[in-house]
Amino acid sequence: MSSQSTRRLDISAIDPHMCLTRNRRRAPVSLQWTRKAMFKKTSCAVGTLALCGLLNTATAADIAAGTVINVDNIDQVKSQTFEGRPLSDLILPTQEKMIREFGLQMRLRASEELPIDPRLVSATEEHAGKVTLDDKNRLQNFVTGMPFANIDANNPADGIKLAYNFMRGPWFADVVDYNPMYFALINGQKGFEREQHWRFARYLANGALNPALADPSGEVAKYEVVLNKYPNDSRGLGVLTIQYTDARLPDVYAYVRSVRRVRRLSSNAWADPLSSTDLLNDESFGMNLDPSWYEDWKLLGKRWMLASVHSTVEVPAEGDERFPMIDMSKAPYWNILDDWEPREVYVVEGKPGRGHLLNRKVQYYDANLYAPMLHWQEFYDRKNELWRIENCNYRPTKRNDGSMAPTVTYVPVYDLQRLHATIVFANPEGRFNYEGAKASEFSPQAIPRLIN
């Protein structure tokens, strides 16, 4: 806010008699004192109200949409408001750290609600109150819609319900196929390292809005494949994960093109690092796990933050420069300027338990029941020191079946300990809820075909 808009007004300089109308007809002497007294009281009251209005206007003036928050102005903007909320309350401590220490920039955008699939609303209302958790925190009686419609921000135990809403609700899509996604691997001290292309596909076999996709046995929760397509020296590596409704550890299969064979991996590979990236397998698109695998979930409360839900970033067409949106002119060579707006979120802490590379994670879920986007995550290592940050950016997208929903545009993962980043960009030609999707496309035998 400018010094002009915040300066104090000198009350002593305001004369309540300035508003008297000149040359008015005089009242009889007996009424003059009464009128003058009343006028003085009234004019003082009006002057006071006007002054209060001026002061309120001065202190409540919002910073303009389009303002870019950066390391040069963050001290100034934190003392201002945006859409009536103090920016000091909207900027997370770890976001401020990224701005001050790593050059993150945030362009403010006027907030706007997101389109919601009415089928999701109807399905949630139809099945409301039926879903429960057993004594091992496994999901029970889930059919479709959002599993848990009622979240109590004051109940720490509701943290796992938000994790289930994100993982099992069909808010993102029943079926997804990004062919490919583009990975930019960046050294924070030296710059761009390499580019990778991975095909990502997911099929909800339990919970889909389209009942034709349901697994007849009721055992499979979802299929997911991640396949490397570029560069050629790693092309052909593929991983298929099958998760089950009874929360058993997943079946994990790997295809290695050099030996042309599918091998079954240990089920414990669900949390292993994803080949040469800064991601763990249980972090793709924010999170990829059964919540019951974690030792503990805790809902810490509700707040507002800045999030990117109308992202302007797009991957250019083939043949053009691949990553012009990344500022590679200066260290740490990974920053992207995008739009951010106020969103209400739930704050959740998840603890994986022993054997995992993390001690805990802090997550920020959108408070919109039908779009529980996972905007920001903080990952803490086994020493409970901040290790990595993951930021999912979204945009309203028209899906193949004509419905609208927020989908991911890109996901940066910043390793702050080794100064490295992996930025995953969604292919703008990705398919969502497309016709002809079959569970047979997600079998171990189908992996070699999916690489092409």
Protein backbone atom coordinates (compact mmCIF):
# COMPACT_ATOMS: atom_id res chain seq x y z
CA MET A 1 0.00 0.00 0.00
CA SER A 2 1.40 3.43 -0.86
CA SER A 3 2.45 5.93 1.80
CA GLN A 4 -0.26 8.27 0.51
CA SER A 5 -3.07 5.80 1.20
CA THR A 6 -1.83 4.85 4.68
CA ARG A 7 -0.87 8.27 6.12
CA ARG A 8 -2.76 9.46 9.17
CA LEU A 9 -5.38 12.15 8.70
CA ASP A 10 -5.10 15.30 10.87
CA ILE A 11 -8.45 15.43 12.65
CA SER A 12 -7.74 18.90 14.04
CA ALA A 13 -7.67 20.29 10.51
CA ILE A 14 -11.30 19.29 9.85
CA ASP A 15 -13.70 22.17 10.58
CA PRO A 16 -17.24 20.91 11.22
CA HIS A 17 -18.57 24.34 10.18
CA MET A 18 -17.15 24.07 6.67
CA CYS A 19 -20.40 22.57 5.44
CA LEU A 20 -22.60 25.49 6.56
CA THR A 21 -24.58 26.93 3.68
CA ARG A 22 -23.99 30.62 3.16
CA ASN A 23 -26.72 33.26 2.80
CA ARG A 24 -29.37 31.05 4.35
CA ARG A 25 -32.45 32.79 5.87
CA ARG A 26 -32.04 33.38 9.58
CA ALA A 27 -34.49 31.76 11.97
CA PRO A 28 -36.14 33.65 14.79
CA VAL A 29 -33.74 34.51 17.59
CA SER A 30 -35.45 32.06 19.93
CA LEU A 31 -34.64 29.18 17.57
CA GLN A 32 -31.16 30.23 16.45
CA TRP A 33 -29.29 28.71 19.39
CA THR A 34 -31.21 25.42 19.15
CA ARG A 35 -30.59 25.11 15.42
CA LYS A 36 -26.93 26.00 15.75
CA ALA A 37 -26.45 23.49 18.52
CA MET A 38 -28.25 20.78 16.59
CA PHE A 39 -26.30 21.60 13.44
CA LYS A 40 -23.00 21.50 15.25
CA LYS A 41 -23.82 18.09 16.73
CA THR A 42 -25.09 16.75 13.43
CA SER A 43 -22.22 18.12 11.37
CA CYS A 44 -19.70 16.76 13.86
CA ALA A 45 -21.35 13.34 13.69
CA VAL A 46 -21.39 13.41 9.90
CA GLY A 47 -17.79 14.58 9.85
CA THR A 48 -16.80 11.79 12.20
CA LEU A 49 -18.56 9.18 10.07
CA ALA A 50 -16.97 10.55 6.92
CA LEU A 51 -13.58 10.49 8.60
CA CYS A 52 -14.11 6.90 9.69
CA GLY A 53 -15.04 6.05 6.14
CA LEU A 54 -11.85 7.64 4.85
CA LEU A 55 -9.78 5.76 7.40
CA ASN A 56 -11.48 2.46 6.60
CA THR A 57 -10.96 3.01 2.88
CA ALA A 58 -7.31 3.79 3.45
CA THR A 59 -6.60 0.76 5.64
CA ALA A 60 -8.73 -1.73 3.73
CA ALA A 61 -7.51 -0.96 0.21
CA ASP A 62 -6.52 -4.20 -1.51
CA ILE A 63 -3.38 -4.77 -3.47
CA ALA A 64 -4.28 -5.00 -7.17
CA ALA A 65 -4.79 -8.27 -9.03
CA GLY A 66 -1.87 -8.74 -11.37
CA THR A 67 0.67 -7.72 -8.73
CA VAL A 68 3.66 -10.04 -8.73
CA ILE A 69 4.94 -11.00 -5.29
CA ASN A 70 8.69 -11.53 -5.27
CA VAL A 71 11.75 -11.23 -3.06
CA ASP A 72 11.96 -7.47 -3.68
CA ASN A 73 8.48 -6.57 -2.45
CA ILE A 74 7.41 -9.34 -0.08
CA ASP A 75 8.02 -7.25 3.05
CA GLN A 76 5.79 -4.53 1.61
CA VAL A 77 2.98 -6.74 0.34
CA LYS A 78 2.76 -8.79 3.53
CA SER A 79 1.39 -5.68 5.25
CA GLN A 80 -1.38 -5.36 2.65
CA THR A 81 -4.56 -7.26 1.86
CA PHE A 82 -5.90 -9.09 -1.15
CA GLU A 83 -9.64 -9.67 -1.48
CA GLY A 84 -9.95 -8.44 2.08
CA ARG A 85 -7.49 -10.93 3.58
CA PRO A 86 -4.04 -10.02 4.90
CA LEU A 87 -1.37 -11.37 2.60
CA SER A 88 0.61 -12.23 5.71
CA ASP A 89 -2.14 -14.81 6.38
CA LEU A 90 -2.40 -16.00 2.76
CA ILE A 91 1.29 -16.71 2.20
CA LEU A 92 2.41 -19.96 3.83
CA PRO A 93 5.71 -19.88 5.75
CA THR A 94 7.21 -22.34 3.26
CA GLN A 95 5.92 -20.25 0.35
CA GLU A 96 7.64 -17.25 1.90
CA LYS A 97 10.80 -19.33 2.20
CA MET A 98 10.60 -20.21 -1.50
CA ILE A 99 10.14 -16.52 -2.37
CA ARG A 100 12.94 -15.20 -0.17
CA GLU A 101 15.53 -17.93 -0.65
CA PHE A 102 14.74 -19.49 -4.03
CA GLY A 103 13.18 -16.73 -6.12
CA LEU A 104 9.58 -17.96 -6.40
CA GLN A 105 7.23 -15.34 -7.89
CA MET A 106 3.45 -15.33 -7.48
CA ARG A 107 1.15 -13.24 -9.70
CA LEU A 108 -2.08 -12.45 -7.87
CA ARG A 109 -5.32 -13.29 -9.64
CA ALA A 110 -8.89 -12.50 -8.64
CA SER A 111 -10.39 -15.65 -7.20
CA GLU A 112 -12.99 -17.52 -9.20
CA GLU A 113 -14.96 -20.65 -8.44
CA LEU A 114 -14.29 -23.85 -10.33
CA PRO A 115 -16.70 -25.89 -12.46
CA ILE A 116 -17.97 -29.03 -10.78
CA ASP A 117 -19.37 -32.14 -12.46
CA PRO A 118 -23.06 -32.31 -11.38
CA ARG A 119 -22.90 -36.10 -11.59
CA LEU A 120 -20.33 -36.07 -8.80
CA VAL A 121 -22.61 -33.95 -6.62
CA SER A 122 -25.57 -36.29 -7.22
CA ALA A 123 -23.51 -39.42 -6.55
CA THR A 124 -22.15 -37.97 -3.32
CA GLU A 125 -25.61 -37.02 -2.09
CA GLU A 126 -27.00 -40.44 -3.03
CA HIS A 127 -24.39 -42.32 -1.00
CA ALA A 128 -23.87 -39.80 1.80
CA GLY A 129 -23.38 -41.33 5.22
CA LYS A 130 -22.87 -44.90 3.98
CA VAL A 131 -19.08 -44.98 3.95
CA THR A 132 -17.22 -45.91 7.13
CA LEU A 133 -13.73 -46.83 8.30
CA ASP A 134 -12.97 -50.11 10.04
CA ASP A 135 -10.63 -50.53 13.01
CA LYS A 136 -7.65 -50.52 10.63
CA ASN A 137 -8.77 -47.32 8.86
CA ARG A 138 -9.78 -49.21 5.72
CA LEU A 139 -12.56 -47.80 3.55
CA GLN A 140 -15.86 -49.68 3.84
CA ASN A 141 -19.10 -49.59 1.78
CA PHE A 142 -17.76 -47.17 -0.81
CA VAL A 143 -19.56 -47.14 -4.18
CA THR A 144 -18.93 -43.76 -5.84
CA GLY A 145 -19.05 -40.01 -5.21
CA MET A 146 -16.91 -38.37 -2.56
CA PRO A 147 -16.54 -40.87 0.31
CA PHE A 148 -16.85 -38.35 3.15
CA ALA A 149 -19.12 -35.36 2.61
CA ASN A 150 -18.83 -33.98 6.14
CA ILE A 151 -15.43 -32.88 7.39
CA ASP A 152 -15.05 -31.38 10.87
CA ALA A 153 -12.12 -28.96 10.85
CA ASN A 154 -11.90 -29.29 14.64
CA ASN A 155 -11.61 -33.08 14.61
CA PRO A 156 -8.01 -34.27 14.11
CA ALA A 157 -9.27 -37.75 13.19
CA ASP A 158 -10.87 -36.40 10.00
CA GLY A 159 -7.46 -36.03 8.36
CA ILE A 160 -7.63 -39.52 6.89
CA LYS A 161 -11.07 -38.74 5.44
CA LEU A 162 -9.55 -35.95 3.36
CA ALA A 163 -6.87 -38.35 2.15
CA TYR A 164 -9.57 -40.82 1.07
CA ASN A 165 -11.58 -38.09 -0.66
CA PHE A 166 -8.50 -37.14 -2.67
CA MET A 167 -7.47 -40.70 -3.50
CA ARG A 168 -10.74 -42.53 -4.06
CA GLY A 169 -13.27 -39.90 -5.09
CA PRO A 170 -13.72 -39.58 -8.89
CA TRP A 171 -13.31 -35.79 -8.83
CA PHE A 172 -10.29 -35.75 -11.15
CA ALA A 173 -11.59 -38.27 -13.69
CA ASP A 174 -12.61 -41.92 -13.95
CA VAL A 175 -9.90 -42.60 -16.53
CA VAL A 176 -6.82 -40.51 -17.33
CA ASP A 177 -4.18 -40.88 -20.05
CA TYR A 178 -1.32 -38.41 -20.43
CA ASN A 179 0.72 -39.60 -23.39
CA PRO A 180 3.24 -38.34 -22.54
CA MET A 181 3.96 -36.10 -19.58
CA TYR A 182 7.10 -33.99 -19.83
CA PHE A 183 9.66 -34.04 -17.02
CA ALA A 184 12.27 -31.29 -16.65
CA LEU A 185 15.14 -32.23 -14.33
CA ILE A 186 17.04 -29.22 -13.02
CA ASN A 187 20.18 -28.76 -10.96
CA GLY A 188 19.66 -25.71 -8.76
CA GLN A 189 23.33 -24.73 -9.02
CA LYS A 190 24.12 -25.59 -12.64
CA GLY A 191 20.83 -25.39 -14.51
CA PHE A 192 18.85 -27.65 -16.83
CA GLU A 193 19.99 -31.29 -16.83
CA ARG A 194 17.69 -33.32 -19.05
CA GLU A 195 14.20 -33.94 -20.33
CA GLN A 196 12.19 -37.11 -19.90
CA HIS A 197 8.84 -38.22 -21.31
CA TRP A 198 6.64 -40.55 -19.27
CA ARG A 199 3.23 -41.87 -20.14
CA PHE A 200 0.89 -41.79 -17.17
CA ALA A 201 -2.46 -43.58 -17.22
CA ARG A 202 -4.94 -44.38 -14.46
CA TYR A 203 -8.19 -46.35 -14.37
CA LEU A 204 -10.61 -46.25 -11.41
CA ALA A 205 -12.04 -49.72 -10.94
CA ASN A 206 -13.84 -48.73 -7.75
CA GLY A 207 -15.60 -45.39 -7.27
CA ALA A 208 -15.89 -44.32 -10.92
CA LEU A 209 -18.97 -42.33 -11.92
CA ASN A 210 -19.23 -44.58 -14.97
CA PRO A 211 -20.49 -47.92 -13.55
CA ALA A 212 -19.23 -49.76 -16.64
CA LEU A 213 -15.67 -49.32 -15.34
CA ALA A 214 -16.30 -51.14 -12.06
CA ASP A 215 -14.26 -54.25 -11.36
CA PRO A 216 -16.76 -57.17 -11.35
CA SER A 217 -14.98 -58.82 -8.42
CA GLY A 218 -15.01 -55.63 -6.36
CA GLU A 219 -11.40 -56.28 -5.39
CA VAL A 220 -9.48 -53.77 -7.52
CA ALA A 221 -9.49 -50.10 -6.49
CA LYS A 222 -7.44 -48.76 -9.41
CA TYR A 223 -4.82 -49.48 -12.03
CA GLU A 224 -1.97 -47.11 -12.76
CA VAL A 225 0.90 -47.25 -15.24
CA VAL A 226 3.99 -45.07 -15.59
CA LEU A 227 6.03 -45.73 -18.73
CA ASN A 228 9.24 -44.08 -19.92
CA LYS A 229 9.18 -43.02 -23.59
CA TYR A 230 12.18 -40.69 -23.82
CA PRO A 231 15.18 -40.55 -23.94
CA ASN A 232 15.99 -43.67 -25.88
CA ASP A 233 18.51 -44.99 -23.36
CA SER A 234 15.74 -45.36 -20.76
CA ARG A 235 12.79 -45.84 -23.11
CA GLY A 236 10.87 -48.99 -22.32
CA LEU A 237 10.99 -48.89 -18.53
CA GLY A 238 7.43 -49.37 -17.35
CA VAL A 239 5.74 -49.85 -13.99
CA LEU A 240 2.18 -51.08 -13.41
CA THR A 241 0.62 -50.73 -9.97
CA ILE A 242 -2.64 -52.41 -8.97
CA GLN A 243 -4.26 -51.21 -5.74
CA TYR A 244 -7.00 -53.15 -3.97
CA THR A 245 -10.15 -52.21 -2.10
CA ASP A 246 -9.14 -54.26 0.96
CA ALA A 247 -6.02 -52.05 1.34
CA ARG A 248 -3.53 -54.87 0.95
CA LEU A 249 -0.18 -53.73 -0.40
CA PRO A 250 -0.31 -53.30 -4.17
CA ASP A 251 0.86 -55.60 -6.90
CA VAL A 252 3.75 -53.89 -8.70
CA TYR A 253 5.06 -55.04 -12.08
CA ALA A 254 8.02 -53.69 -14.02
CA TYR A 255 8.81 -54.08 -17.70
CA VAL A 256 12.41 -53.76 -18.84
CA ARG A 257 12.64 -53.48 -22.58
CA SER A 258 16.23 -54.71 -22.78
CA VAL A 259 15.19 -58.15 -21.53
CA ARG A 260 11.62 -57.92 -22.91
CA ARG A 261 10.19 -59.30 -19.73
CA VAL A 262 7.68 -58.24 -17.07
CA ARG A 263 8.87 -58.82 -13.54
CA ARG A 264 6.93 -58.59 -10.34
CA LEU A 265 8.48 -56.26 -7.79
CA SER A 266 8.19 -56.17 -4.04
CA SER A 267 4.94 -54.61 -2.86
CA ASN A 268 7.03 -52.34 -0.67
CA ALA A 269 8.17 -50.52 -3.84
CA TRP A 270 5.06 -48.30 -3.57
CA ALA A 271 7.15 -45.67 -1.74
CA ASP A 272 10.46 -46.03 -3.60
CA PRO A 273 12.00 -43.11 -5.53
CA LEU A 274 10.75 -42.78 -9.11
CA SER A 275 13.66 -43.38 -11.48
CA SER A 276 16.17 -40.46 -11.31
CA THR A 277 13.50 -37.90 -10.33
CA ASP A 278 12.77 -36.05 -7.09
CA LEU A 279 9.49 -37.93 -6.62
CA LEU A 280 8.61 -40.98 -4.59
CA ASN A 281 6.16 -43.44 -6.12
CA ASP A 282 3.48 -42.48 -3.59
CA GLU A 283 3.64 -38.79 -4.59
CA SER A 284 2.61 -38.76 -8.24
CA PHE A 285 -0.08 -36.11 -8.83
CA GLY A 286 0.25 -35.16 -5.20
CA MET A 287 -0.41 -38.54 -3.63
CA ASN A 288 -0.68 -42.14 -4.78
CA LEU A 289 -1.35 -44.59 -1.96
CA ASP A 290 -3.98 -46.19 0.20
CA PRO A 291 -4.35 -43.94 3.26
CA SER A 292 -4.46 -46.96 5.57
CA TRP A 293 -0.81 -47.66 4.73
CA TYR A 294 0.19 -44.61 6.75
CA GLU A 295 0.67 -44.84 10.48
CA ASP A 296 -1.25 -41.68 11.29
CA TRP A 297 -3.24 -38.81 9.78
CA LYS A 298 -4.13 -35.67 11.67
CA LEU A 299 -6.31 -32.74 10.58
CA LEU A 300 -4.53 -29.66 11.93
CA GLY A 301 -7.23 -27.14 11.02
CA LYS A 302 -8.50 -24.85 8.30
CA ARG A 303 -7.00 -21.69 6.81
CA TRP A 304 -6.61 -19.63 3.64
CA MET A 305 -3.62 -19.68 1.31
CA LEU A 306 -2.55 -18.69 -2.20
CA ALA A 307 -2.93 -21.51 -4.73
CA SER A 308 -2.84 -21.87 -8.50
CA VAL A 309 -6.18 -23.15 -9.79
CA HIS A 310 -6.38 -21.15 -13.03
CA SER A 311 -2.87 -21.88 -14.23
CA THR A 312 -1.74 -20.11 -17.40
CA VAL A 313 1.16 -22.48 -18.13
CA GLU A 314 1.04 -24.73 -21.19
CA VAL A 315 3.61 -26.99 -22.83
CA PRO A 316 4.38 -25.74 -26.36
CA ALA A 317 3.68 -27.81 -29.45
CA GLU A 318 6.20 -30.34 -30.71
CA GLY A 319 9.16 -28.73 -32.43
CA ASP A 320 9.13 -25.56 -30.31
CA GLU A 321 11.29 -24.81 -27.31
CA ARG A 322 10.03 -27.24 -24.70
CA PHE A 323 10.22 -25.26 -21.46
CA PRO A 324 10.10 -21.50 -22.18
CA MET A 325 7.99 -20.97 -19.05
CA ILE A 326 10.91 -21.91 -16.76
CA ASP A 327 13.25 -19.06 -15.85
CA MET A 328 16.60 -20.65 -16.65
CA SER A 329 18.45 -17.32 -16.73
CA LYS A 330 19.45 -17.42 -13.05
CA ALA A 331 19.77 -19.83 -10.15
CA PRO A 332 18.00 -21.95 -9.06
CA TYR A 333 16.86 -22.24 -12.72
CA TRP A 334 13.47 -23.79 -11.88
CA ASN A 335 11.04 -20.92 -11.22
CA ILE A 336 7.81 -20.43 -13.18
CA LEU A 337 5.62 -17.30 -13.06
CA ASP A 338 1.95 -18.22 -12.77
CA ASP A 339 -1.36 -16.99 -11.35
CA TRP A 340 -2.22 -17.55 -7.67
CA GLU A 341 -5.47 -16.79 -5.87
CA PRO A 342 -6.93 -17.17 -2.37
CA ARG A 343 -8.32 -20.61 -1.54
CA GLU A 344 -9.63 -22.04 1.70
CA VAL A 345 -7.82 -25.24 2.63
CA TYR A 346 -7.62 -28.00 5.20
CA VAL A 347 -4.17 -28.60 6.69
CA VAL A 348 -3.33 -32.27 7.26
CA GLU A 349 -0.28 -34.02 8.68
CA GLY A 350 0.47 -37.55 7.48
CA LYS A 351 3.01 -39.88 9.09
CA PRO A 352 4.07 -42.92 7.03
CA GLY A 353 5.79 -44.76 9.84
CA ARG A 354 8.98 -46.80 9.90
CA GLY A 355 10.54 -47.92 6.64
CA HIS A 356 9.49 -44.82 4.72
CA LEU A 357 11.93 -42.11 3.65
CA LEU A 358 9.69 -39.46 5.24
CA ASN A 359 9.10 -38.74 8.88
CA ARG A 360 5.97 -36.74 8.03
CA LYS A 361 4.30 -34.62 5.39
CA VAL A 362 2.11 -31.53 5.76
CA GLN A 363 -0.58 -31.20 3.10
CA TYR A 364 -2.95 -28.41 2.05
CA TYR A 365 -6.22 -29.74 0.56
CA ASP A 366 -8.73 -27.44 -1.08
CA ALA A 367 -11.84 -27.09 1.10
CA ASN A 368 -14.14 -27.59 -1.91
CA LEU A 369 -15.64 -31.04 -1.30
CA TYR A 370 -15.94 -31.76 -5.02
CA ALA A 371 -12.45 -30.55 -5.92
CA PRO A 372 -10.11 -31.56 -3.05
CA MET A 373 -7.02 -30.37 -4.91
CA LEU A 374 -3.74 -30.95 -3.11
CA HIS A 375 -2.15 -27.54 -3.63
CA TRP A 376 1.02 -27.69 -1.59
CA GLN A 377 2.97 -30.28 0.38
CA GLU A 378 5.95 -30.14 2.71
CA PHE A 379 8.00 -33.32 3.06
CA TYR A 380 10.17 -33.78 6.18
CA ASP A 381 12.99 -36.32 6.32
CA ARG A 382 13.62 -38.86 9.07
CA LYS A 383 15.42 -36.15 11.07
CA ASN A 384 12.24 -34.05 10.78
CA GLU A 385 14.02 -31.45 8.65
CA LEU A 386 12.34 -29.89 5.61
CA TRP A 387 13.47 -31.97 2.65
CA ARG A 388 11.22 -31.31 -0.34
CA ILE A 389 8.20 -29.25 -1.40
CA GLU A 390 5.61 -30.30 -3.96
CA ASN A 391 3.24 -27.81 -5.57
CA CYS A 392 0.34 -28.95 -7.78
CA ASN A 393 -1.08 -26.37 -10.20
CA TYR A 394 -4.53 -26.80 -11.72
CA ARG A 395 -6.82 -25.42 -14.40
CA PRO A 396 -10.51 -26.04 -15.32
CA THR A 397 -10.54 -28.50 -18.21
CA LYS A 398 -13.21 -29.84 -20.51
CA ARG A 399 -12.96 -33.63 -20.45
CA ASN A 400 -13.62 -35.99 -23.33
CA ASP A 401 -17.15 -36.72 -22.13
CA GLY A 402 -17.99 -33.00 -22.10
CA SER A 403 -17.85 -32.55 -18.32
CA MET A 404 -15.69 -29.90 -16.67
CA ALA A 405 -13.30 -30.33 -13.75
CA PRO A 406 -9.95 -29.03 -12.50
CA THR A 407 -6.99 -31.00 -13.84
CA VAL A 408 -3.26 -30.72 -13.25
CA THR A 409 -1.16 -28.47 -15.48
CA TYR A 410 2.24 -29.00 -13.88
CA VAL A 411 3.80 -30.25 -10.64
CA PRO A 412 7.17 -28.94 -9.43
CA VAL A 413 8.99 -30.95 -6.76
CA TYR A 414 11.84 -29.06 -5.11
CA ASP A 415 14.55 -30.92 -3.20
CA LEU A 416 15.85 -28.14 -0.97
CA GLN A 417 18.59 -30.24 0.59
CA ARG A 418 20.39 -31.18 -2.59
CA LEU A 419 19.17 -28.17 -4.63
CA HIS A 420 17.46 -30.14 -7.35
CA ALA A 421 14.01 -30.06 -8.92
CA THR A 422 11.75 -32.19 -11.07
CA ILE A 423 8.94 -30.34 -12.84
CA VAL A 424 6.23 -32.53 -14.36
CA PHE A 425 4.14 -30.95 -17.12
CA ALA A 426 0.82 -32.41 -18.21
CA ASN A 427 0.31 -32.89 -21.92
CA PRO A 428 -2.46 -30.45 -22.94
CA GLU A 429 -3.81 -33.20 -25.20
CA GLY A 430 -4.31 -35.59 -22.30
CA ARG A 431 -7.45 -37.72 -22.32
CA PHE A 432 -10.00 -37.77 -19.50
CA ASN A 433 -13.07 -40.02 -19.32
CA TYR A 434 -12.48 -41.12 -22.89
CA GLU A 435 -14.55 -43.79 -24.62
CA GLY A 436 -13.30 -47.33 -24.97
CA ALA A 437 -11.20 -47.51 -21.79
CA LYS A 438 -10.76 -51.12 -20.68
CA ALA A 439 -9.26 -52.73 -17.61
CA SER A 440 -7.46 -55.17 -19.90
CA GLU A 441 -5.24 -52.26 -21.02
CA PHE A 442 -3.79 -52.27 -17.52
CA SER A 443 -2.56 -55.84 -17.26
CA PRO A 444 1.11 -56.89 -16.98
CA GLN A 445 0.89 -58.34 -20.49
CA ALA A 446 -0.27 -54.99 -21.88
CA ILE A 447 2.69 -52.94 -20.65
CA PRO A 448 4.84 -53.39 -23.80
CA ARG A 449 1.94 -52.19 -25.99
CA LEU A 450 1.35 -49.11 -23.84
CA ILE A 451 4.90 -47.89 -24.35
CA ASN A 452 4.17 -47.14 -28.02
